[in-house]
Amino acid sequence: MTDLTSAGEVPGRSNASPTVYFGGMLGIAACATGLAIFLAGCFGMYAAFSMALIPLIMSATGMVFTVVGGIFRKGGVEHTGILAGVFVNLFGLVGGFLELAVAQNWAIFPKAAG
């Protein structure tokens, strides 16, 4: 007869750190906030770009939480959660820097001489 109590891996359970999940959640929130700021700027509210530091700070914090959670987790970590957290935080960082460039009137692309 088989032992039904030792089923092995339980479906739906992950070995990832809660710190990694928190970093990923910050990245997703930063992407959503950056998208809202961008859409508000597209609709003519250019003052919305002055809030570009919000997704930038959220993404930088999320990136730190994701990497630190992946490094200090005991017993191994599922790497897909870390990769997803880094990916969305990178999107938030790039979007935040582009919105900050619009808010500060930085030249993103150099103009041709002539």
Foldseek 3Di string as FASTA:
>chain_A
DDDPPCPDDDPPDFLFDVLLVQLLVLLVVLLVLLVVLVVCVVVPPLVSLVCLVSLQVSLVVSLVSLVVRQVPRPPHHDCVSSVSSNVSSVVSNVSSVVSPCSNVVPDPDDDDDD
